[in-house]
C-alpha atoms as a PDB file:
ATOM      1  CA  UNK A   1     -30.465  44.323  16.425  1.00  0.00           C
ATOM      2  CA  UNK A   2     -28.454  45.278  13.322  1.00  0.00           C
ATOM      3  CA  UNK A   3     -31.000  46.601  10.798  1.00  0.00           C
ATOM      4  CA  UNK A   4     -29.927  48.537   7.717  1.00  0.00           C
ATOM      5  CA  UNK A   5     -31.785  51.867   7.933  1.00  0.00           C
ATOM      6  CA  UNK A   6     -34.224  53.101   5.338  1.00  0.00           C
ATOM      7  CA  UNK A   7     -33.987  52.005   1.751  1.00  0.00           C
ATOM      8  CA  UNK A   8     -30.186  51.902   1.712  1.00  0.00           C
ATOM      9  CA  UNK A   9     -28.663  49.269  -0.587  1.00  0.00           C
ATOM     10  CA  UNK A  10     -25.745  48.812  -2.975  1.00  0.00           C
ATOM     11  CA  UNK A  11     -26.541  50.942  -6.010  1.00  0.00           C
ATOM     12  CA  UNK A  12     -28.529  53.533  -3.999  1.00  0.00           C
ATOM     13  CA  UNK A  13     -27.785  57.000  -5.431  1.00  0.00           C
ATOM     14  CA  UNK A  14     -28.493  60.505  -4.254  1.00  0.00           C
ATOM     15  CA  UNK A  15     -27.638  63.836  -5.818  1.00  0.00           C
ATOM     16  CA  UNK A  16     -28.271  67.544  -5.927  1.00  0.00           C
ATOM     17  CA  UNK A  17     -27.412  70.545  -8.097  1.00  0.00           C
ATOM     18  CA  UNK A  18     -25.395  73.498  -6.800  1.00  0.00           C
ATOM     19  CA  UNK A  19     -24.936  76.929  -8.380  1.00  0.00           C
ATOM     20  CA  UNK A  20     -21.681  78.719  -7.529  1.00  0.00           C
ATOM     21  CA  UNK A  21     -21.353  82.478  -7.658  1.00  0.00           C
ATOM     22  CA  UNK A  22     -18.196  84.595  -7.305  1.00  0.00           C
ATOM     23  CA  UNK A  23     -19.195  86.159  -3.962  1.00  0.00           C
ATOM     24  CA  UNK A  24     -19.901  82.734  -2.454  1.00  0.00           C
ATOM     25  CA  UNK A  25     -16.634  81.308  -3.825  1.00  0.00           C
ATOM     26  CA  UNK A  26     -14.608  84.181  -2.394  1.00  0.00           C
ATOM     27  CA  UNK A  27     -16.377  84.100   0.993  1.00  0.00           C
ATOM     28  CA  UNK A  28     -15.916  80.343   1.373  1.00  0.00           C
ATOM     29  CA  UNK A  29     -12.239  80.506   0.448  1.00  0.00           C
ATOM     30  CA  UNK A  30     -11.645  83.352   2.928  1.00  0.00           C
ATOM     31  CA  UNK A  31     -13.504  81.448   5.668  1.00  0.00           C
ATOM     32  CA  UNK A  32     -11.295  78.420   4.977  1.00  0.00           C
ATOM     33  CA  UNK A  33      -8.140  80.569   5.146  1.00  0.00           C
ATOM     34  CA  UNK A  34      -7.447  80.248   1.401  1.00  0.00           C
ATOM     35  CA  UNK A  35      -6.165  83.594   0.085  1.00  0.00           C
ATOM     36  CA  UNK A  36      -5.226  82.296  -3.369  1.00  0.00           C
ATOM     37  CA  UNK A  37      -6.163  85.105  -5.796  1.00  0.00           C
ATOM     38  CA  UNK A  38      -7.708  82.541  -8.173  1.00  0.00           C
ATOM     39  CA  UNK A  39     -10.707  82.502  -5.821  1.00  0.00           C
ATOM     40  CA  UNK A  40     -10.966  86.254  -5.122  1.00  0.00           C
ATOM     41  CA  UNK A  41      -9.435  88.372  -7.863  1.00  0.00           C
ATOM     42  CA  UNK A  42     -11.048  88.275 -11.318  1.00  0.00           C
ATOM     43  CA  UNK A  43      -8.125  90.163 -12.907  1.00  0.00           C
ATOM     44  CA  UNK A  44      -5.515  87.786 -11.496  1.00  0.00           C
ATOM     45  CA  UNK A  45      -7.639  84.765 -12.423  1.00  0.00           C
ATOM     46  CA  UNK A  46      -8.055  86.109 -15.984  1.00  0.00           C
ATOM     47  CA  UNK A  47      -4.265  85.896 -16.393  1.00  0.00           C
ATOM     48  CA  UNK A  48      -4.160  82.314 -15.081  1.00  0.00           C
ATOM     49  CA  UNK A  49      -4.389  79.064 -17.025  1.00  0.00           C
ATOM     50  CA  UNK A  50      -8.116  78.996 -16.134  1.00  0.00           C
ATOM     51  CA  UNK A  51      -9.008  82.423 -17.521  1.00  0.00           C
ATOM     52  CA  UNK A  52     -11.496  83.221 -14.765  1.00  0.00           C
ATOM     53  CA  UNK A  53     -12.058  82.656 -11.018  1.00  0.00           C
ATOM     54  CA  UNK A  54     -12.380  79.090  -9.744  1.00  0.00           C
ATOM     55  CA  UNK A  55     -13.828  77.576  -6.579  1.00  0.00           C
ATOM     56  CA  UNK A  56     -11.314  76.288  -4.055  1.00  0.00           C
ATOM     57  CA  UNK A  57     -10.816  72.556  -3.654  1.00  0.00           C
ATOM     58  CA  UNK A  58     -11.878  73.013  -0.046  1.00  0.00           C
ATOM     59  CA  UNK A  59     -15.201  74.403  -1.227  1.00  0.00           C
ATOM     60  CA  UNK A  60     -15.932  71.710  -3.796  1.00  0.00           C
ATOM     61  CA  UNK A  61     -15.012  68.847  -1.481  1.00  0.00           C
ATOM     62  CA  UNK A  62     -16.963  70.367   1.425  1.00  0.00           C
ATOM     63  CA  UNK A  63     -20.098  70.448  -0.727  1.00  0.00           C
ATOM     64  CA  UNK A  64     -19.588  66.842  -1.770  1.00  0.00           C
ATOM     65  CA  UNK A  65     -19.060  65.644   1.815  1.00  0.00           C
ATOM     66  CA  UNK A  66     -21.916  67.845   3.018  1.00  0.00           C
ATOM     67  CA  UNK A  67     -24.292  66.132   0.596  1.00  0.00           C
ATOM     68  CA  UNK A  68     -23.373  62.720   2.023  1.00  0.00           C
ATOM     69  CA  UNK A  69     -23.931  63.902   5.598  1.00  0.00           C
ATOM     70  CA  UNK A  70     -27.173  65.766   4.915  1.00  0.00           C
ATOM     71  CA  UNK A  71     -28.825  63.117   2.793  1.00  0.00           C
ATOM     72  CA  UNK A  72     -27.891  60.104   4.891  1.00  0.00           C
ATOM     73  CA  UNK A  73     -28.678  61.798   8.214  1.00  0.00           C
ATOM     74  CA  UNK A  74     -32.278  62.149   7.044  1.00  0.00           C
ATOM     75  CA  UNK A  75     -32.454  58.330   6.818  1.00  0.00           C
ATOM     76  CA  UNK A  76     -30.323  57.157   9.744  1.00  0.00           C
ATOM     77  CA  UNK A  77     -27.799  58.141  12.348  1.00  0.00           C
ATOM     78  CA  UNK A  78     -24.549  58.730  10.438  1.00  0.00           C
ATOM     79  CA  UNK A  79     -20.922  59.695  10.996  1.00  0.00           C
ATOM     80  CA  UNK A  80     -18.133  60.001   8.471  1.00  0.00           C
ATOM     81  CA  UNK A  81     -15.231  57.581   8.785  1.00  0.00           C
ATOM     82  CA  UNK A  82     -12.953  58.565   5.885  1.00  0.00           C
ATOM     83  CA  UNK A  83     -13.053  60.431   2.610  1.00  0.00           C
ATOM     84  CA  UNK A  84     -10.609  61.061  -0.205  1.00  0.00           C
ATOM     85  CA  UNK A  85     -11.008  63.304  -3.217  1.00  0.00           C
ATOM     86  CA  UNK A  86      -9.311  64.001  -6.523  1.00  0.00           C
ATOM     87  CA  UNK A  87      -9.517  67.479  -8.015  1.00  0.00           C
ATOM     88  CA  UNK A  88      -9.609  66.666 -11.733  1.00  0.00           C
ATOM     89  CA  UNK A  89     -10.741  69.889 -13.425  1.00  0.00           C
ATOM     90  CA  UNK A  90     -11.520  73.419 -12.303  1.00  0.00           C
ATOM     91  CA  UNK A  91     -14.950  74.382 -11.036  1.00  0.00           C
ATOM     92  CA  UNK A  92     -15.610  77.939 -12.139  1.00  0.00           C
ATOM     93  CA  UNK A  93     -16.967  80.521  -9.734  1.00  0.00           C
ATOM     94  CA  UNK A  94     -20.060  81.152 -11.863  1.00  0.00           C
ATOM     95  CA  UNK A  95     -21.293  77.723 -12.861  1.00  0.00           C
ATOM     96  CA  UNK A  96     -23.785  75.057 -11.920  1.00  0.00           C
ATOM     97  CA  UNK A  97     -22.645  71.533 -11.055  1.00  0.00           C
ATOM     98  CA  UNK A  98     -24.215  68.222 -10.114  1.00  0.00           C
ATOM     99  CA  UNK A  99     -23.044  66.361  -6.996  1.00  0.00           C
ATOM    100  CA  UNK A 100     -23.779  62.658  -6.635  1.00  0.00           C
ATOM    101  CA  UNK A 101     -22.932  59.724  -4.386  1.00  0.00           C
ATOM    102  CA  UNK A 102     -23.592  56.017  -4.854  1.00  0.00           C
ATOM    103  CA  UNK A 103     -23.372  53.247  -2.256  1.00  0.00           C
ATOM    104  CA  UNK A 104     -20.890  50.747  -3.713  1.00  0.00           C
ATOM    105  CA  UNK A 105     -20.489  48.365  -0.751  1.00  0.00           C
ATOM    106  CA  UNK A 106     -22.089  47.645   2.621  1.00  0.00           C
ATOM    107  CA  UNK A 107     -20.403  45.906   5.534  1.00  0.00           C
ATOM    108  CA  UNK A 108     -21.965  45.148   8.906  1.00  0.00           C
ATOM    109  CA  UNK A 109     -20.321  46.879  11.853  1.00  0.00           C
ATOM    110  CA  UNK A 110     -19.455  44.345  14.582  1.00  0.00           C
ATOM    111  CA  UNK A 111     -21.219  46.287  17.358  1.00  0.00           C
ATOM    112  CA  UNK A 112     -24.080  48.074  15.619  1.00  0.00           C
ATOM    113  CA  UNK A 113     -24.859  49.528  12.214  1.00  0.00           C
ATOM    114  CA  UNK A 114     -23.214  49.326   8.821  1.00  0.00           C
ATOM    115  CA  UNK A 115     -20.268  50.802   6.993  1.00  0.00           C
ATOM    116  CA  UNK A 116     -21.353  52.244   3.657  1.00  0.00           C
ATOM    117  CA  UNK A 117     -18.646  52.684   1.040  1.00  0.00           C
ATOM    118  CA  UNK A 118     -19.468  55.540  -1.302  1.00  0.00           C
ATOM    119  CA  UNK A 119     -18.266  56.638  -4.726  1.00  0.00           C
ATOM    120  CA  UNK A 120     -19.063  60.204  -5.668  1.00  0.00           C
ATOM    121  CA  UNK A 121     -18.436  63.005  -8.086  1.00  0.00           C
ATOM    122  CA  UNK A 122     -19.025  66.638  -8.854  1.00  0.00           C
ATOM    123  CA  UNK A 123     -19.752  67.050 -12.544  1.00  0.00           C
ATOM    124  CA  UNK A 124     -20.269  70.006 -14.813  1.00  0.00           C
ATOM    125  CA  UNK A 125     -23.728  70.190 -16.337  1.00  0.00           C
ATOM    126  CA  UNK A 126     -22.244  68.722 -19.528  1.00  0.00           C
ATOM    127  CA  UNK A 127     -21.328  65.588 -17.550  1.00  0.00           C
ATOM    128  CA  UNK A 128     -17.567  66.132 -17.278  1.00  0.00           C
ATOM    129  CA  UNK A 129     -16.134  65.014 -13.930  1.00  0.00           C
ATOM    130  CA  UNK A 130     -14.529  67.846 -11.950  1.00  0.00           C
ATOM    131  CA  UNK A 131     -14.071  66.231  -8.520  1.00  0.00           C
ATOM    132  CA  UNK A 132     -14.111  62.524  -7.748  1.00  0.00           C
ATOM    133  CA  UNK A 133     -14.608  61.211  -4.231  1.00  0.00           C
ATOM    134  CA  UNK A 134     -14.541  57.987  -2.242  1.00  0.00           C
ATOM    135  CA  UNK A 135     -15.831  57.693   1.260  1.00  0.00           C
ATOM    136  CA  UNK A 136     -16.898  55.499   4.109  1.00  0.00           C
ATOM    137  CA  UNK A 137     -19.616  56.357   6.590  1.00  0.00           C
ATOM    138  CA  UNK A 138     -21.077  54.468   9.518  1.00  0.00           C
ATOM    139  CA  UNK A 139     -24.877  54.387   9.669  1.00  0.00           C
ATOM    140  CA  UNK A 140     -27.117  52.869  12.294  1.00  0.00           C
ATOM    141  CA  UNK A 141     -30.723  52.822  13.340  1.00  0.00           C
ATOM    142  CA  UNK A 142     -30.976  53.989  16.920  1.00  0.00           C
ATOM    143  CA  UNK A 143     -34.487  53.574  18.331  1.00  0.00           C
ATOM    144  CA  UNK A 144     -33.321  55.482  21.427  1.00  0.00           C
ATOM    145  CA  UNK A 145     -31.462  58.616  20.222  1.00  0.00           C
ATOM    146  CA  UNK A 146     -30.164  59.317  23.745  1.00  0.00           C
ATOM    147  CA  UNK A 147     -27.687  56.453  23.346  1.00  0.00           C
ATOM    148  CA  UNK A 148     -24.159  57.300  22.260  1.00  0.00           C
ATOM    149  CA  UNK A 149     -23.020  56.571  18.716  1.00  0.00           C
ATOM    150  CA  UNK A 150     -21.155  53.308  18.161  1.00  0.00           C
ATOM    151  CA  UNK A 151     -17.363  53.555  18.146  1.00  0.00           C
ATOM    152  CA  UNK A 152     -15.373  53.365  14.906  1.00  0.00           C
ATOM    153  CA  UNK A 153     -13.131  50.376  14.294  1.00  0.00           C
END
């Protein structure tokens, strides 16, 4: 039976706020193998076009994708299928941002579940878009969690 889990529907939105701090930004960049001084060195970043340290694109996009996975997995079984992001403006290492996703389309999966197409963004608290994302996830209701996840098409 192919039942759309939870209250998911086109127009469904979910969001959260995240506060960056310089230590977190530096640690994440190092963990991701990003040694760009813009993420670690306040003096070098002060001389850059940004004037102060910025979060890595890897960090900002990971938080955006992580929100999709965390929120949707509380409602259904979920796996990511594809994501793309655009890094539009810097995210500073000492600021608060809002992350949000919206379901923009739903398509039944031929074997079980639904593809959800998502549009998302990371915005500064003033509402300016810093990172824009698009994604597709596969969700399904599995009454017997011991069964394997459906295959992607």
